[in-house]
């Protein structure tokens, strides 16, 4: 994993950019915010720009840990759920702005209509009642490792986590394809489209509304989005797990949502999972860390923890980032819209 630490001067320089970015904009969920951030990102400290561009273009590893970002004392308590009231200015707007500026060096942040109401930046917090669930708002169960949105034709190139609070050092789990020992026979099998992949439980009408950024006349689009998810449950796409270069492949795997279609595929997936479990690392994010994960070469999850539900719990911000926003144009309302339906 690549690592970069911001010093005091870098924080001062970034704070100046944040002040300019938020002078007339106050929501990271609006397209205008990202347009302006994309321009200002060119003025981030040069060494930081060099490090993130190196990570994007040379792909030296599956993760990039940026640390040392100042976290203010006025971010407020950890929310009790992921909902973010429309029209309210986030108490963590400064921290969110730093996150967005850095993300612009890797690509374009975006959201999914069927996930957290189409918001571009997510709150990842424990929710009371979800303790035993296999979703990001769970806590007492291990969140099994996975490729982010493995089922989706427009899954992110990078998924990123910013830590605002983690009082009990609950670890994120992490492994990357370059560390795995996979036999040639299994590589050949894993390259075949033999794995039916369904959506995760977070993409459901029961957990989302997707009316947050739509006028009432467009609310029918919400139904279209969730109907599409239901169809993917009935007829899941059949994909390969390894793809790309023969010698240095990419990886897309989510065992909880994948069904191998042959005995050969089941055996190869079982051995791959065992190897990932052997190589799995713990990364305990601390306030001021951003972990950028290459979603084509690294998987991630989370160890269980005991939530307090008193406003002091673990609180991460999450964004998905694409290197080619145009690829999903047919599923977005406009060229500048950030929500994939």
C-alpha atoms as a PDB file:
ATOM      1  CA  UNK A   1       0.000   0.000   0.000  1.00  0.00           C
ATOM      2  CA  UNK A   2       1.239   3.475  -0.913  1.00  0.00           C
ATOM      3  CA  UNK A   3       1.332   6.070   1.891  1.00  0.00           C
ATOM      4  CA  UNK A   4       1.522   9.858   2.009  1.00  0.00           C
ATOM      5  CA  UNK A   5       1.351  12.167   5.053  1.00  0.00           C
ATOM      6  CA  UNK A   6       0.296  15.823   4.912  1.00  0.00           C
ATOM      7  CA  UNK A   7       2.409  18.245   6.929  1.00  0.00           C
ATOM      8  CA  UNK A   8       1.211  21.478   8.555  1.00  0.00           C
ATOM      9  CA  UNK A   9       2.024  23.649   5.538  1.00  0.00           C
ATOM     10  CA  UNK A  10       0.138  21.313   3.181  1.00  0.00           C
ATOM     11  CA  UNK A  11      -2.910  21.533   5.465  1.00  0.00           C
ATOM     12  CA  UNK A  12      -2.724  25.341   5.373  1.00  0.00           C
ATOM     13  CA  UNK A  13      -2.529  25.312   1.575  1.00  0.00           C
ATOM     14  CA  UNK A  14      -5.477  22.933   1.297  1.00  0.00           C
ATOM     15  CA  UNK A  15      -7.536  24.985   3.754  1.00  0.00           C
ATOM     16  CA  UNK A  16      -7.131  27.998   1.446  1.00  0.00           C
ATOM     17  CA  UNK A  17      -8.533  25.956  -1.445  1.00  0.00           C
ATOM     18  CA  UNK A  18     -11.422  24.750   0.724  1.00  0.00           C
ATOM     19  CA  UNK A  19     -12.318  28.331   1.609  1.00  0.00           C
ATOM     20  CA  UNK A  20     -12.410  29.221  -2.080  1.00  0.00           C
ATOM     21  CA  UNK A  21     -14.409  26.115  -2.969  1.00  0.00           C
ATOM     22  CA  UNK A  22     -17.050  26.698  -0.288  1.00  0.00           C
ATOM     23  CA  UNK A  23     -17.335  30.461  -0.685  1.00  0.00           C
ATOM     24  CA  UNK A  24     -20.515  30.088  -2.748  1.00  0.00           C
ATOM     25  CA  UNK A  25     -21.110  26.320  -2.676  1.00  0.00           C
ATOM     26  CA  UNK A  26     -22.138  24.250   0.326  1.00  0.00           C
ATOM     27  CA  UNK A  27     -23.068  20.730  -0.802  1.00  0.00           C
ATOM     28  CA  UNK A  28     -20.750  18.004  -2.042  1.00  0.00           C
ATOM     29  CA  UNK A  29     -23.765  16.350  -3.694  1.00  0.00           C
ATOM     30  CA  UNK A  30     -24.165  19.032  -6.363  1.00  0.00           C
ATOM     31  CA  UNK A  31     -22.507  18.842  -9.782  1.00  0.00           C
ATOM     32  CA  UNK A  32     -21.348  22.474  -9.533  1.00  0.00           C
ATOM     33  CA  UNK A  33     -19.334  21.603  -6.434  1.00  0.00           C
ATOM     34  CA  UNK A  34     -17.397  18.949  -8.351  1.00  0.00           C
ATOM     35  CA  UNK A  35     -16.864  21.159 -11.385  1.00  0.00           C
ATOM     36  CA  UNK A  36     -15.234  23.813  -9.218  1.00  0.00           C
ATOM     37  CA  UNK A  37     -13.292  21.216  -7.216  1.00  0.00           C
ATOM     38  CA  UNK A  38     -11.918  19.710 -10.424  1.00  0.00           C
ATOM     39  CA  UNK A  39     -10.352  23.095 -11.263  1.00  0.00           C
ATOM     40  CA  UNK A  40      -9.032  23.810  -7.765  1.00  0.00           C
ATOM     41  CA  UNK A  41      -7.540  20.308  -7.433  1.00  0.00           C
ATOM     42  CA  UNK A  42      -4.803  21.463  -9.830  1.00  0.00           C
ATOM     43  CA  UNK A  43      -3.635  23.774  -7.049  1.00  0.00           C
ATOM     44  CA  UNK A  44      -3.242  21.116  -4.359  1.00  0.00           C
ATOM     45  CA  UNK A  45       0.325  20.765  -3.009  1.00  0.00           C
ATOM     46  CA  UNK A  46       2.519  19.503  -5.803  1.00  0.00           C
ATOM     47  CA  UNK A  47       3.953  16.506  -3.945  1.00  0.00           C
ATOM     48  CA  UNK A  48       0.442  15.286  -3.123  1.00  0.00           C
ATOM     49  CA  UNK A  49      -0.581  15.679  -6.767  1.00  0.00           C
ATOM     50  CA  UNK A  50       2.486  13.755  -7.867  1.00  0.00           C
ATOM     51  CA  UNK A  51       1.780  10.923  -5.415  1.00  0.00           C
ATOM     52  CA  UNK A  52      -1.871  10.489  -6.414  1.00  0.00           C
ATOM     53  CA  UNK A  53      -1.150  10.759 -10.146  1.00  0.00           C
ATOM     54  CA  UNK A  54       1.588   8.132  -9.727  1.00  0.00           C
ATOM     55  CA  UNK A  55      -0.937   5.860  -7.969  1.00  0.00           C
ATOM     56  CA  UNK A  56      -3.494   6.370 -10.749  1.00  0.00           C
ATOM     57  CA  UNK A  57      -1.202   5.924 -13.743  1.00  0.00           C
ATOM     58  CA  UNK A  58       1.395   3.359 -12.670  1.00  0.00           C
ATOM     59  CA  UNK A  59      -0.875   1.210 -10.431  1.00  0.00           C
ATOM     60  CA  UNK A  60       1.913   0.310  -7.970  1.00  0.00           C
ATOM     61  CA  UNK A  61      -0.518  -1.240  -5.464  1.00  0.00           C
ATOM     62  CA  UNK A  62      -4.185  -1.588  -4.634  1.00  0.00           C
ATOM     63  CA  UNK A  63      -4.310   1.090  -1.956  1.00  0.00           C
ATOM     64  CA  UNK A  64      -3.179   4.629  -1.200  1.00  0.00           C
ATOM     65  CA  UNK A  65      -3.350   5.830   2.411  1.00  0.00           C
ATOM     66  CA  UNK A  66      -3.357   9.615   2.771  1.00  0.00           C
ATOM     67  CA  UNK A  67      -2.952  10.721   6.390  1.00  0.00           C
ATOM     68  CA  UNK A  68      -2.548  13.905   8.407  1.00  0.00           C
ATOM     69  CA  UNK A  69      -5.684  15.784   7.304  1.00  0.00           C
ATOM     70  CA  UNK A  70      -6.948  18.085  10.036  1.00  0.00           C
ATOM     71  CA  UNK A  71     -10.321  17.104  11.462  1.00  0.00           C
ATOM     72  CA  UNK A  72     -12.184  19.930  13.152  1.00  0.00           C
ATOM     73  CA  UNK A  73     -13.711  19.739  16.600  1.00  0.00           C
ATOM     74  CA  UNK A  74     -16.994  21.110  15.236  1.00  0.00           C
ATOM     75  CA  UNK A  75     -18.010  18.170  13.034  1.00  0.00           C
ATOM     76  CA  UNK A  76     -20.714  17.239  15.528  1.00  0.00           C
ATOM     77  CA  UNK A  77     -21.726  13.835  16.846  1.00  0.00           C
ATOM     78  CA  UNK A  78     -21.649  10.702  14.718  1.00  0.00           C
ATOM     79  CA  UNK A  79     -25.039  10.509  12.961  1.00  0.00           C
ATOM     80  CA  UNK A  80     -27.467   7.769  13.940  1.00  0.00           C
ATOM     81  CA  UNK A  81     -28.078   6.859  10.282  1.00  0.00           C
ATOM     82  CA  UNK A  82     -26.781   7.709   6.819  1.00  0.00           C
ATOM     83  CA  UNK A  83     -29.553  10.143   5.861  1.00  0.00           C
ATOM     84  CA  UNK A  84     -28.420  13.676   5.095  1.00  0.00           C
ATOM     85  CA  UNK A  85     -31.259  16.250   5.192  1.00  0.00           C
ATOM     86  CA  UNK A  86     -31.565  18.162   1.934  1.00  0.00           C
ATOM     87  CA  UNK A  87     -30.760  21.845   2.226  1.00  0.00           C
ATOM     88  CA  UNK A  88     -28.764  21.566   5.447  1.00  0.00           C
ATOM     89  CA  UNK A  89     -25.065  22.422   5.392  1.00  0.00           C
ATOM     90  CA  UNK A  90     -22.995  19.508   6.643  1.00  0.00           C
ATOM     91  CA  UNK A  91     -21.063  20.234   9.861  1.00  0.00           C
ATOM     92  CA  UNK A  92     -18.190  18.345   8.229  1.00  0.00           C
ATOM     93  CA  UNK A  93     -18.251  20.387   5.002  1.00  0.00           C
ATOM     94  CA  UNK A  94     -14.583  21.359   5.359  1.00  0.00           C
ATOM     95  CA  UNK A  95     -13.490  17.729   5.717  1.00  0.00           C
ATOM     96  CA  UNK A  96     -15.788  16.642   2.884  1.00  0.00           C
ATOM     97  CA  UNK A  97     -14.283  19.364   0.691  1.00  0.00           C
ATOM     98  CA  UNK A  98     -10.742  18.115   1.298  1.00  0.00           C
ATOM     99  CA  UNK A  99     -11.949  14.620   0.388  1.00  0.00           C
ATOM    100  CA  UNK A 100     -13.529  15.818  -2.865  1.00  0.00           C
ATOM    101  CA  UNK A 101     -10.466  17.870  -3.875  1.00  0.00           C
ATOM    102  CA  UNK A 102      -8.154  14.882  -3.453  1.00  0.00           C
ATOM    103  CA  UNK A 103     -10.566  12.525  -5.214  1.00  0.00           C
ATOM    104  CA  UNK A 104     -10.537  14.737  -8.312  1.00  0.00           C
ATOM    105  CA  UNK A 105      -6.940  13.692  -8.955  1.00  0.00           C
ATOM    106  CA  UNK A 106      -8.111  10.116  -9.521  1.00  0.00           C
ATOM    107  CA  UNK A 107     -11.335  10.760 -11.448  1.00  0.00           C
ATOM    108  CA  UNK A 108     -14.951  11.825 -10.999  1.00  0.00           C
ATOM    109  CA  UNK A 109     -16.950  11.031  -7.828  1.00  0.00           C
ATOM    110  CA  UNK A 110     -20.457   9.698  -8.497  1.00  0.00           C
ATOM    111  CA  UNK A 111     -23.377   7.988  -6.786  1.00  0.00           C
ATOM    112  CA  UNK A 112     -25.925   5.254  -7.490  1.00  0.00           C
ATOM    113  CA  UNK A 113     -29.654   5.949  -7.539  1.00  0.00           C
ATOM    114  CA  UNK A 114     -30.257   2.755  -5.550  1.00  0.00           C
ATOM    115  CA  UNK A 115     -27.697   3.449  -2.812  1.00  0.00           C
ATOM    116  CA  UNK A 116     -28.132   6.044  -0.031  1.00  0.00           C
ATOM    117  CA  UNK A 117     -30.754   7.946  -2.049  1.00  0.00           C
ATOM    118  CA  UNK A 118     -28.343   8.756  -4.849  1.00  0.00           C
ATOM    119  CA  UNK A 119     -25.993  10.810  -2.670  1.00  0.00           C
ATOM    120  CA  UNK A 120     -22.454  11.227  -3.993  1.00  0.00           C
ATOM    121  CA  UNK A 121     -20.804  11.112  -0.564  1.00  0.00           C
ATOM    122  CA  UNK A 122     -22.012   8.573   1.986  1.00  0.00           C
ATOM    123  CA  UNK A 123     -22.050   8.436   5.757  1.00  0.00           C
ATOM    124  CA  UNK A 124     -20.735   5.051   6.889  1.00  0.00           C
ATOM    125  CA  UNK A 125     -21.977   4.721  10.454  1.00  0.00           C
ATOM    126  CA  UNK A 126     -23.385   1.923  12.617  1.00  0.00           C
ATOM    127  CA  UNK A 127     -27.181   1.992  12.644  1.00  0.00           C
ATOM    128  CA  UNK A 128     -29.140   0.624  15.569  1.00  0.00           C
ATOM    129  CA  UNK A 129     -31.076  -2.414  14.383  1.00  0.00           C
ATOM    130  CA  UNK A 130     -28.516  -3.265  11.683  1.00  0.00           C
ATOM    131  CA  UNK A 131     -25.955  -4.780  14.068  1.00  0.00           C
ATOM    132  CA  UNK A 132     -26.120  -8.281  12.547  1.00  0.00           C
ATOM    133  CA  UNK A 133     -26.540  -7.281   8.898  1.00  0.00           C
ATOM    134  CA  UNK A 134     -24.048  -7.741   6.059  1.00  0.00           C
ATOM    135  CA  UNK A 135     -24.089  -4.078   5.011  1.00  0.00           C
ATOM    136  CA  UNK A 136     -21.895  -1.072   5.759  1.00  0.00           C
ATOM    137  CA  UNK A 137     -24.221   0.102   8.564  1.00  0.00           C
ATOM    138  CA  UNK A 138     -23.766  -3.188  10.454  1.00  0.00           C
ATOM    139  CA  UNK A 139     -21.355  -3.504  13.342  1.00  0.00           C
ATOM    140  CA  UNK A 140     -21.356  -6.756  15.324  1.00  0.00           C
ATOM    141  CA  UNK A 141     -20.865  -9.019  12.297  1.00  0.00           C
ATOM    142  CA  UNK A 142     -17.810  -9.067  10.076  1.00  0.00           C
ATOM    143  CA  UNK A 143     -18.451  -7.158   6.870  1.00  0.00           C
ATOM    144  CA  UNK A 144     -17.076  -9.762   4.486  1.00  0.00           C
ATOM    145  CA  UNK A 145     -14.476  -8.576   2.037  1.00  0.00           C
ATOM    146  CA  UNK A 146     -15.619  -7.739  -1.486  1.00  0.00           C
ATOM    147  CA  UNK A 147     -15.126  -5.696  -4.621  1.00  0.00           C
ATOM    148  CA  UNK A 148     -17.357  -2.621  -4.315  1.00  0.00           C
ATOM    149  CA  UNK A 149     -20.591  -3.083  -6.310  1.00  0.00           C
ATOM    150  CA  UNK A 150     -19.192  -6.156  -8.075  1.00  0.00           C
ATOM    151  CA  UNK A 151     -22.537  -6.708  -9.823  1.00  0.00           C
ATOM    152  CA  UNK A 152     -22.766  -3.263 -11.409  1.00  0.00           C
ATOM    153  CA  UNK A 153     -21.790  -2.607 -15.051  1.00  0.00           C
ATOM    154  CA  UNK A 154     -20.637   0.859 -13.947  1.00  0.00           C
ATOM    155  CA  UNK A 155     -18.822  -0.033 -10.775  1.00  0.00           C
ATOM    156  CA  UNK A 156     -16.222   2.396  -9.505  1.00  0.00           C
ATOM    157  CA  UNK A 157     -12.553   2.369 -10.460  1.00  0.00           C
ATOM    158  CA  UNK A 158     -11.791   3.542  -6.911  1.00  0.00           C
ATOM    159  CA  UNK A 159     -13.716   3.447  -3.684  1.00  0.00           C
ATOM    160  CA  UNK A 160     -12.474   5.786  -0.968  1.00  0.00           C
ATOM    161  CA  UNK A 161     -12.994   6.006   2.793  1.00  0.00           C
ATOM    162  CA  UNK A 162     -12.297   9.095   4.894  1.00  0.00           C
ATOM    163  CA  UNK A 163     -12.118   8.625   8.658  1.00  0.00           C
ATOM    164  CA  UNK A 164     -13.678  11.296  10.856  1.00  0.00           C
ATOM    165  CA  UNK A 165     -13.909   9.187  13.995  1.00  0.00           C
ATOM    166  CA  UNK A 166     -12.866   5.650  15.017  1.00  0.00           C
ATOM    167  CA  UNK A 167     -12.593   5.518  18.826  1.00  0.00           C
ATOM    168  CA  UNK A 168     -12.147   1.755  19.091  1.00  0.00           C
ATOM    169  CA  UNK A 169      -9.854   1.366  16.046  1.00  0.00           C
ATOM    170  CA  UNK A 170     -12.270  -0.925  14.187  1.00  0.00           C
ATOM    171  CA  UNK A 171     -10.140  -2.207  11.297  1.00  0.00           C
ATOM    172  CA  UNK A 172     -10.899  -2.096   7.608  1.00  0.00           C
ATOM    173  CA  UNK A 173      -9.725  -5.333   5.987  1.00  0.00           C
ATOM    174  CA  UNK A 174      -7.722  -5.215   2.788  1.00  0.00           C
ATOM    175  CA  UNK A 175      -5.961  -7.467   0.281  1.00  0.00           C
ATOM    176  CA  UNK A 176      -4.756  -6.988  -3.273  1.00  0.00           C
ATOM    177  CA  UNK A 177      -4.433  -9.255  -6.287  1.00  0.00           C
ATOM    178  CA  UNK A 178      -0.661  -8.831  -6.580  1.00  0.00           C
ATOM    179  CA  UNK A 179      -0.157 -10.558  -3.207  1.00  0.00           C
ATOM    180  CA  UNK A 180      -2.203 -13.652  -4.080  1.00  0.00           C
ATOM    181  CA  UNK A 181      -0.789 -17.007  -5.125  1.00  0.00           C
ATOM    182  CA  UNK A 182      -3.218 -18.462  -7.688  1.00  0.00           C
ATOM    183  CA  UNK A 183      -2.450 -21.554  -9.756  1.00  0.00           C
ATOM    184  CA  UNK A 184      -2.446 -21.293 -13.546  1.00  0.00           C
ATOM    185  CA  UNK A 185      -5.383 -23.724 -13.704  1.00  0.00           C
ATOM    186  CA  UNK A 186      -7.441 -21.577 -11.337  1.00  0.00           C
ATOM    187  CA  UNK A 187      -6.445 -18.400 -13.158  1.00  0.00           C
ATOM    188  CA  UNK A 188      -7.796 -19.897 -16.372  1.00  0.00           C
ATOM    189  CA  UNK A 189     -11.082 -20.826 -14.695  1.00  0.00           C
ATOM    190  CA  UNK A 190     -11.476 -17.488 -12.927  1.00  0.00           C
ATOM    191  CA  UNK A 191     -11.087 -15.729 -16.285  1.00  0.00           C
ATOM    192  CA  UNK A 192     -14.215 -17.429 -17.634  1.00  0.00           C
ATOM    193  CA  UNK A 193     -17.722 -15.915 -17.264  1.00  0.00           C
ATOM    194  CA  UNK A 194     -18.888 -18.550 -14.792  1.00  0.00           C
ATOM    195  CA  UNK A 195     -20.038 -16.458 -11.813  1.00  0.00           C
ATOM    196  CA  UNK A 196     -23.598 -15.126 -11.523  1.00  0.00           C
ATOM    197  CA  UNK A 197     -23.424 -11.916  -9.466  1.00  0.00           C
ATOM    198  CA  UNK A 198     -26.413 -10.360  -7.721  1.00  0.00           C
ATOM    199  CA  UNK A 199     -26.778  -6.885  -6.156  1.00  0.00           C
ATOM    200  CA  UNK A 200     -25.916  -6.434  -2.493  1.00  0.00           C
ATOM    201  CA  UNK A 201     -28.641  -5.809   0.092  1.00  0.00           C
ATOM    202  CA  UNK A 202     -27.885  -2.091   0.268  1.00  0.00           C
ATOM    203  CA  UNK A 203     -29.386  -1.575  -3.217  1.00  0.00           C
ATOM    204  CA  UNK A 204     -33.072  -1.969  -2.395  1.00  0.00           C
ATOM    205  CA  UNK A 205     -36.213   0.156  -2.415  1.00  0.00           C
ATOM    206  CA  UNK A 206     -36.742  -0.758   1.252  1.00  0.00           C
ATOM    207  CA  UNK A 207     -33.514   0.997   2.242  1.00  0.00           C
ATOM    208  CA  UNK A 208     -33.641   3.901  -0.223  1.00  0.00           C
ATOM    209  CA  UNK A 209     -36.036   6.370  -1.788  1.00  0.00           C
ATOM    210  CA  UNK A 210     -33.954   8.175  -4.446  1.00  0.00           C
ATOM    211  CA  UNK A 211     -36.082  11.281  -4.394  1.00  0.00           C
ATOM    212  CA  UNK A 212     -33.408  13.435  -2.760  1.00  0.00           C
ATOM    213  CA  UNK A 213     -32.168  15.071  -5.980  1.00  0.00           C
ATOM    214  CA  UNK A 214     -35.185  14.652  -8.247  1.00  0.00           C
ATOM    215  CA  UNK A 215     -38.143  16.973  -8.867  1.00  0.00           C
ATOM    216  CA  UNK A 216     -41.485  15.283  -8.293  1.00  0.00           C
ATOM    217  CA  UNK A 217     -42.020  14.919 -12.024  1.00  0.00           C
ATOM    218  CA  UNK A 218     -39.001  12.639 -12.154  1.00  0.00           C
ATOM    219  CA  UNK A 219     -39.868  10.363  -9.243  1.00  0.00           C
ATOM    220  CA  UNK A 220     -40.906   7.657 -11.699  1.00  0.00           C
ATOM    221  CA  UNK A 221     -37.183   7.319 -12.437  1.00  0.00           C
ATOM    222  CA  UNK A 222     -36.713   5.996  -8.926  1.00  0.00           C
ATOM    223  CA  UNK A 223     -39.043   3.096  -9.668  1.00  0.00           C
ATOM    224  CA  UNK A 224     -37.149   2.361 -12.889  1.00  0.00           C
ATOM    225  CA  UNK A 225     -33.887   2.148 -10.961  1.00  0.00           C
ATOM    226  CA  UNK A 226     -35.212  -0.280  -8.362  1.00  0.00           C
ATOM    227  CA  UNK A 227     -37.041  -2.323 -11.006  1.00  0.00           C
ATOM    228  CA  UNK A 228     -33.662  -2.746 -12.688  1.00  0.00           C
ATOM    229  CA  UNK A 229     -32.174  -4.020  -9.415  1.00  0.00           C
ATOM    230  CA  UNK A 230     -35.012  -6.532  -9.043  1.00  0.00           C
ATOM    231  CA  UNK A 231     -34.369  -7.757 -12.560  1.00  0.00           C
ATOM    232  CA  UNK A 232     -30.693  -8.264 -11.705  1.00  0.00           C
ATOM    233  CA  UNK A 233     -31.766 -10.429  -8.771  1.00  0.00           C
ATOM    234  CA  UNK A 234     -33.916 -12.540 -11.123  1.00  0.00           C
ATOM    235  CA  UNK A 235     -31.366 -12.654 -13.931  1.00  0.00           C
ATOM    236  CA  UNK A 236     -27.937 -11.828 -12.500  1.00  0.00           C
ATOM    237  CA  UNK A 237     -25.103 -10.952 -14.879  1.00  0.00           C
ATOM    238  CA  UNK A 238     -22.591 -13.750 -15.385  1.00  0.00           C
ATOM    239  CA  UNK A 239     -19.052 -12.431 -15.089  1.00  0.00           C
ATOM    240  CA  UNK A 240     -15.448 -13.520 -14.766  1.00  0.00           C
ATOM    241  CA  UNK A 241     -13.488 -12.870 -11.572  1.00  0.00           C
ATOM    242  CA  UNK A 242     -10.134 -12.175 -13.237  1.00  0.00           C
ATOM    243  CA  UNK A 243      -9.832  -9.947 -16.301  1.00  0.00           C
ATOM    244  CA  UNK A 244      -7.361  -7.700 -18.081  1.00  0.00           C
ATOM    245  CA  UNK A 245      -3.701  -8.513 -18.591  1.00  0.00           C
ATOM    246  CA  UNK A 246      -2.803 -12.222 -18.469  1.00  0.00           C
ATOM    247  CA  UNK A 247       0.292 -11.743 -16.319  1.00  0.00           C
ATOM    248  CA  UNK A 248      -1.043  -8.901 -14.153  1.00  0.00           C
ATOM    249  CA  UNK A 249      -4.826  -9.338 -13.977  1.00  0.00           C
ATOM    250  CA  UNK A 250      -7.536  -7.273 -12.352  1.00  0.00           C
ATOM    251  CA  UNK A 251      -9.988  -8.728  -9.844  1.00  0.00           C
ATOM    252  CA  UNK A 252     -13.759  -8.495  -9.298  1.00  0.00           C
ATOM    253  CA  UNK A 253     -15.080 -10.745  -6.546  1.00  0.00           C
ATOM    254  CA  UNK A 254     -17.886 -10.744  -3.975  1.00  0.00           C
ATOM    255  CA  UNK A 255     -18.427 -14.284  -2.660  1.00  0.00           C
ATOM    256  CA  UNK A 256     -21.596 -13.400  -0.724  1.00  0.00           C
ATOM    257  CA  UNK A 257     -23.270 -12.231  -3.940  1.00  0.00           C
ATOM    258  CA  UNK A 258     -21.677 -14.657  -6.414  1.00  0.00           C
ATOM    259  CA  UNK A 259     -22.900 -18.093  -7.489  1.00  0.00           C
ATOM    260  CA  UNK A 260     -20.419 -20.241  -9.442  1.00  0.00           C
ATOM    261  CA  UNK A 261     -22.140 -22.063 -12.302  1.00  0.00           C
ATOM    262  CA  UNK A 262     -19.910 -25.160 -12.499  1.00  0.00           C
ATOM    263  CA  UNK A 263     -18.058 -27.391 -10.045  1.00  0.00           C
ATOM    264  CA  UNK A 264     -14.788 -26.222 -11.565  1.00  0.00           C
ATOM    265  CA  UNK A 265     -15.755 -22.591 -10.939  1.00  0.00           C
ATOM    266  CA  UNK A 266     -16.880 -23.379  -7.373  1.00  0.00           C
ATOM    267  CA  UNK A 267     -13.529 -24.999  -6.591  1.00  0.00           C
ATOM    268  CA  UNK A 268     -11.527 -22.119  -8.056  1.00  0.00           C
ATOM    269  CA  UNK A 269     -13.582 -19.561  -6.118  1.00  0.00           C
ATOM    270  CA  UNK A 270     -13.209 -21.529  -2.876  1.00  0.00           C
ATOM    271  CA  UNK A 271      -9.429 -21.651  -3.266  1.00  0.00           C
ATOM    272  CA  UNK A 272      -9.289 -17.959  -4.177  1.00  0.00           C
ATOM    273  CA  UNK A 273     -11.271 -17.071  -1.038  1.00  0.00           C
ATOM    274  CA  UNK A 274      -8.954 -19.167   1.124  1.00  0.00           C
ATOM    275  CA  UNK A 275      -5.926 -17.398  -0.360  1.00  0.00           C
ATOM    276  CA  UNK A 276      -7.452 -13.948   0.186  1.00  0.00           C
ATOM    277  CA  UNK A 277      -8.231 -14.863   3.795  1.00  0.00           C
ATOM    278  CA  UNK A 278      -4.592 -15.882   4.270  1.00  0.00           C
ATOM    279  CA  UNK A 279      -3.340 -12.566   2.883  1.00  0.00           C
ATOM    280  CA  UNK A 280      -5.980 -10.299   4.448  1.00  0.00           C
ATOM    281  CA  UNK A 281      -4.556  -7.278   6.309  1.00  0.00           C
ATOM    282  CA  UNK A 282      -6.098  -4.990   8.910  1.00  0.00           C
ATOM    283  CA  UNK A 283      -5.970  -1.227   8.338  1.00  0.00           C
ATOM    284  CA  UNK A 284      -7.249   0.734  11.363  1.00  0.00           C
ATOM    285  CA  UNK A 285      -8.120   4.141   9.959  1.00  0.00           C
ATOM    286  CA  UNK A 286      -7.607   7.106  12.275  1.00  0.00           C
ATOM    287  CA  UNK A 287      -9.203  10.575  12.058  1.00  0.00           C
ATOM    288  CA  UNK A 288      -7.652  12.446   9.132  1.00  0.00           C
ATOM    289  CA  UNK A 289      -6.963   9.341   7.023  1.00  0.00           C
ATOM    290  CA  UNK A 290      -8.299   8.761   3.520  1.00  0.00           C
ATOM    291  CA  UNK A 291      -7.908   5.260   2.109  1.00  0.00           C
ATOM    292  CA  UNK A 292      -8.185   5.194  -1.688  1.00  0.00           C
ATOM    293  CA  UNK A 293      -8.744   1.626  -2.899  1.00  0.00           C
ATOM    294  CA  UNK A 294      -8.240   0.529  -6.486  1.00  0.00           C
ATOM    295  CA  UNK A 295     -11.524  -1.328  -7.023  1.00  0.00           C
ATOM    296  CA  UNK A 296      -9.992  -3.372  -9.849  1.00  0.00           C
ATOM    297  CA  UNK A 297      -7.138  -4.800  -7.806  1.00  0.00           C
ATOM    298  CA  UNK A 298      -8.029  -4.625  -4.089  1.00  0.00           C
ATOM    299  CA  UNK A 299     -10.863  -5.983  -1.970  1.00  0.00           C
ATOM    300  CA  UNK A 300     -11.955  -4.611   1.390  1.00  0.00           C
ATOM    301  CA  UNK A 301     -14.252  -5.344   4.323  1.00  0.00           C
ATOM    302  CA  UNK A 302     -14.478  -4.578   8.051  1.00  0.00           C
ATOM    303  CA  UNK A 303     -13.919  -6.381  11.334  1.00  0.00           C
ATOM    304  CA  UNK A 304     -16.830  -6.453  13.833  1.00  0.00           C
ATOM    305  CA  UNK A 305     -17.073  -3.931  16.649  1.00  0.00           C
ATOM    306  CA  UNK A 306     -19.462  -3.025  19.456  1.00  0.00           C
ATOM    307  CA  UNK A 307     -21.244   0.229  18.626  1.00  0.00           C
ATOM    308  CA  UNK A 308     -22.265   2.629  21.387  1.00  0.00           C
ATOM    309  CA  UNK A 309     -24.996   4.586  19.558  1.00  0.00           C
ATOM    310  CA  UNK A 310     -24.211   7.662  21.663  1.00  0.00           C
ATOM    311  CA  UNK A 311     -22.805  10.036  19.039  1.00  0.00           C
ATOM    312  CA  UNK A 312     -19.197   8.895  19.525  1.00  0.00           C
ATOM    313  CA  UNK A 313     -19.179   5.898  17.146  1.00  0.00           C
ATOM    314  CA  UNK A 314     -16.996   5.174  14.145  1.00  0.00           C
ATOM    315  CA  UNK A 315     -17.791   7.608  11.326  1.00  0.00           C
ATOM    316  CA  UNK A 316     -16.423   7.332   7.824  1.00  0.00           C
ATOM    317  CA  UNK A 317     -17.252   9.213   4.649  1.00  0.00           C
ATOM    318  CA  UNK A 318     -17.290   7.149   1.439  1.00  0.00           C
ATOM    319  CA  UNK A 319     -17.125   8.049  -2.236  1.00  0.00           C
ATOM    320  CA  UNK A 320     -17.023   6.037  -5.427  1.00  0.00           C
ATOM    321  CA  UNK A 321     -14.809   7.424  -8.194  1.00  0.00           C
ATOM    322  CA  UNK A 322     -14.735   6.637 -11.911  1.00  0.00           C
ATOM    323  CA  UNK A 323     -11.953   7.367 -14.364  1.00  0.00           C
ATOM    324  CA  UNK A 324     -14.535   7.682 -17.162  1.00  0.00           C
ATOM    325  CA  UNK A 325     -17.834   9.322 -16.208  1.00  0.00           C
ATOM    326  CA  UNK A 326     -18.904   9.256 -19.865  1.00  0.00           C
ATOM    327  CA  UNK A 327     -19.153   5.470 -19.801  1.00  0.00           C
ATOM    328  CA  UNK A 328     -22.399   5.660 -17.802  1.00  0.00           C
ATOM    329  CA  UNK A 329     -23.974   8.550 -19.769  1.00  0.00           C
ATOM    330  CA  UNK A 330     -26.988   6.485 -20.862  1.00  0.00           C
ATOM    331  CA  UNK A 331     -27.885   5.949 -17.206  1.00  0.00           C
ATOM    332  CA  UNK A 332     -27.496   9.568 -15.997  1.00  0.00           C
ATOM    333  CA  UNK A 333     -29.920  12.468 -16.465  1.00  0.00           C
ATOM    334  CA  UNK A 334     -27.326  14.743 -18.093  1.00  0.00           C
ATOM    335  CA  UNK A 335     -23.644  14.757 -19.004  1.00  0.00           C
ATOM    336  CA  UNK A 336     -22.858  16.560 -15.734  1.00  0.00           C
ATOM    337  CA  UNK A 337     -25.227  14.585 -13.508  1.00  0.00           C
ATOM    338  CA  UNK A 338     -23.439  12.401 -10.949  1.00  0.00           C
ATOM    339  CA  UNK A 339     -26.110   9.761 -10.208  1.00  0.00           C
ATOM    340  CA  UNK A 340     -26.139   6.478 -12.121  1.00  0.00           C
ATOM    341  CA  UNK A 341     -29.692   5.137 -12.397  1.00  0.00           C
END
